[in-house]
Amino acid sequence: MTDIDQSKVPAHHQQWLETMIQAGINGDLGLMRGKKTATGEYRSILVIKQQTEEDEIELLPLGHFAEDNPFELYDPPVLPTA
C-alpha cells in the first residue's frame, strides 16, 4: 500500500472534483457511453450537463470509469496517520 500525498494531486484535478461535486448537487452530473478517440473503444464517461447561451444542452466529459475492477487496477492508498 502507498501513502496518499495530496501535494502531488494536480490543482486542476482538485478544481474538476469541486466542479463535479457542485454539478452533483445541482443535478447536472450524468453518465453516458462514448467512443475513446485514440482507441475506438467504448467507455462509460462521467459528464456535466450545461446549458449554452443558445439554450442548448451540451455534455462536458470529465473522465471515464475503469472497464476492469478498479480494486485490481490500482494500489489502494493508505491514509496518513496523525
C-alpha atoms as a PDB file:
ATOM      1  CA  MET A   1       0.000   0.000   0.000  1.00  0.00           C
ATOM      2  CA  THR A   2       1.135   3.538  -0.694  1.00  0.00           C
ATOM      3  CA  ASP A   3       0.677   6.689   1.354  1.00  0.00           C
ATOM      4  CA  ILE A   4      -1.530   9.449  -0.023  1.00  0.00           C
ATOM      5  CA  ASP A   5       0.431  12.594  -0.825  1.00  0.00           C
ATOM      6  CA  GLN A   6      -2.167  15.278  -1.543  1.00  0.00           C
ATOM      7  CA  SER A   7       0.588  17.676  -2.618  1.00  0.00           C
ATOM      8  CA  LYS A   8       1.010  15.526  -5.743  1.00  0.00           C
ATOM      9  CA  VAL A   9      -2.621  15.794  -6.821  1.00  0.00           C
ATOM     10  CA  PRO A  10      -2.595  18.382  -9.626  1.00  0.00           C
ATOM     11  CA  ALA A  11      -4.502  21.568  -8.777  1.00  0.00           C
ATOM     12  CA  HIS A  12      -6.679  21.253 -11.895  1.00  0.00           C
ATOM     13  CA  HIS A  13      -7.795  17.778 -10.734  1.00  0.00           C
ATOM     14  CA  GLN A  14      -8.912  19.295  -7.432  1.00  0.00           C
ATOM     15  CA  GLN A  15     -10.789  22.005  -9.365  1.00  0.00           C
ATOM     16  CA  TRP A  16     -12.518  19.344 -11.502  1.00  0.00           C
ATOM     17  CA  LEU A  17     -13.514  17.483  -8.333  1.00  0.00           C
ATOM     18  CA  GLU A  18     -15.089  20.644  -6.920  1.00  0.00           C
ATOM     19  CA  THR A  19     -16.901  21.236 -10.237  1.00  0.00           C
ATOM     20  CA  MET A  20     -18.109  17.627 -10.203  1.00  0.00           C
ATOM     21  CA  ILE A  21     -19.416  17.924  -6.638  1.00  0.00           C
ATOM     22  CA  GLN A  22     -21.303  21.127  -7.471  1.00  0.00           C
ATOM     23  CA  ALA A  23     -22.758  19.544 -10.614  1.00  0.00           C
ATOM     24  CA  GLY A  24     -23.968  16.625  -8.499  1.00  0.00           C
ATOM     25  CA  ILE A  25     -25.598  18.990  -6.009  1.00  0.00           C
ATOM     26  CA  ASN A  26     -27.305  20.801  -8.924  1.00  0.00           C
ATOM     27  CA  GLY A  27     -28.459  17.549 -10.541  1.00  0.00           C
ATOM     28  CA  ASP A  28     -26.264  18.165 -13.591  1.00  0.00           C
ATOM     29  CA  LEU A  29     -23.977  15.132 -13.293  1.00  0.00           C
ATOM     30  CA  GLY A  30     -24.524  12.253 -15.680  1.00  0.00           C
ATOM     31  CA  LEU A  31     -23.174   9.082 -17.194  1.00  0.00           C
ATOM     32  CA  MET A  32     -23.074   8.300 -20.902  1.00  0.00           C
ATOM     33  CA  ARG A  33     -21.400   5.872 -23.236  1.00  0.00           C
ATOM     34  CA  GLY A  34     -18.891   7.241 -25.743  1.00  0.00           C
ATOM     35  CA  LYS A  35     -16.058   6.183 -28.024  1.00  0.00           C
ATOM     36  CA  LYS A  36     -12.471   6.877 -26.990  1.00  0.00           C
ATOM     37  CA  THR A  37     -10.822   8.809 -29.826  1.00  0.00           C
ATOM     38  CA  ALA A  38      -7.386   7.185 -29.549  1.00  0.00           C
ATOM     39  CA  THR A  39      -8.533   3.550 -29.499  1.00  0.00           C
ATOM     40  CA  GLY A  40     -12.116   3.432 -30.754  1.00  0.00           C
ATOM     41  CA  GLU A  41     -13.205   1.517 -27.660  1.00  0.00           C
ATOM     42  CA  TYR A  42     -16.428   2.484 -25.913  1.00  0.00           C
ATOM     43  CA  ARG A  43     -16.238   3.713 -22.320  1.00  0.00           C
ATOM     44  CA  SER A  44     -18.639   4.914 -19.658  1.00  0.00           C
ATOM     45  CA  ILE A  45     -17.996   8.653 -19.338  1.00  0.00           C
ATOM     46  CA  LEU A  46     -18.808  10.918 -16.398  1.00  0.00           C
ATOM     47  CA  VAL A  47     -20.291  14.156 -17.782  1.00  0.00           C
ATOM     48  CA  ILE A  48     -21.627  17.508 -16.619  1.00  0.00           C
ATOM     49  CA  LYS A  49     -24.763  18.807 -18.307  1.00  0.00           C
ATOM     50  CA  GLN A  50     -24.584  22.512 -19.070  1.00  0.00           C
ATOM     51  CA  GLN A  51     -26.824  24.910 -20.965  1.00  0.00           C
ATOM     52  CA  THR A  52     -25.384  27.105 -23.712  1.00  0.00           C
ATOM     53  CA  GLU A  53     -26.322  30.723 -24.402  1.00  0.00           C
ATOM     54  CA  GLU A  54     -28.488  29.374 -27.256  1.00  0.00           C
ATOM     55  CA  ASP A  55     -30.490  27.291 -24.710  1.00  0.00           C
ATOM     56  CA  GLU A  56     -28.980  24.051 -25.985  1.00  0.00           C
ATOM     57  CA  ILE A  57     -27.748  21.338 -23.643  1.00  0.00           C
ATOM     58  CA  GLU A  58     -24.160  20.181 -24.019  1.00  0.00           C
ATOM     59  CA  LEU A  59     -22.316  17.456 -22.157  1.00  0.00           C
ATOM     60  CA  LEU A  60     -18.855  18.183 -20.791  1.00  0.00           C
ATOM     61  CA  PRO A  61     -16.823  14.983 -20.320  1.00  0.00           C
ATOM     62  CA  LEU A  62     -14.887  14.800 -17.054  1.00  0.00           C
ATOM     63  CA  GLY A  63     -13.420  11.329 -17.106  1.00  0.00           C
ATOM     64  CA  HIS A  64     -14.191   7.684 -17.648  1.00  0.00           C
ATOM     65  CA  PHE A  65     -14.741   4.650 -15.492  1.00  0.00           C
ATOM     66  CA  ALA A  66     -12.335   1.731 -15.449  1.00  0.00           C
ATOM     67  CA  GLU A  67     -13.641  -1.147 -17.548  1.00  0.00           C
ATOM     68  CA  ASP A  68     -11.968  -3.638 -15.220  1.00  0.00           C
ATOM     69  CA  ASN A  69     -12.169  -3.921 -11.464  1.00  0.00           C
ATOM     70  CA  PRO A  70     -10.505  -0.717 -10.141  1.00  0.00           C
ATOM     71  CA  PHE A  71      -9.570  -2.561  -6.953  1.00  0.00           C
ATOM     72  CA  GLU A  72      -7.360  -4.788  -9.111  1.00  0.00           C
ATOM     73  CA  LEU A  73      -6.028  -1.964 -11.324  1.00  0.00           C
ATOM     74  CA  TYR A  74      -4.731   0.374  -8.602  1.00  0.00           C
ATOM     75  CA  ASP A  75      -2.798   0.003  -5.382  1.00  0.00           C
ATOM     76  CA  PRO A  76      -5.102   1.137  -2.613  1.00  0.00           C
ATOM     77  CA  PRO A  77      -3.986   4.394  -0.991  1.00  0.00           C
ATOM     78  CA  VAL A  78      -3.258   4.465   2.712  1.00  0.00           C
ATOM     79  CA  LEU A  79      -4.356   7.483   4.700  1.00  0.00           C
ATOM     80  CA  PRO A  80      -1.524   9.096   6.652  1.00  0.00           C
ATOM     81  CA  THR A  81      -1.627   8.535  10.386  1.00  0.00           C
ATOM     82  CA  ALA A  82      -1.793  11.515  12.714  1.00  0.00           C
END
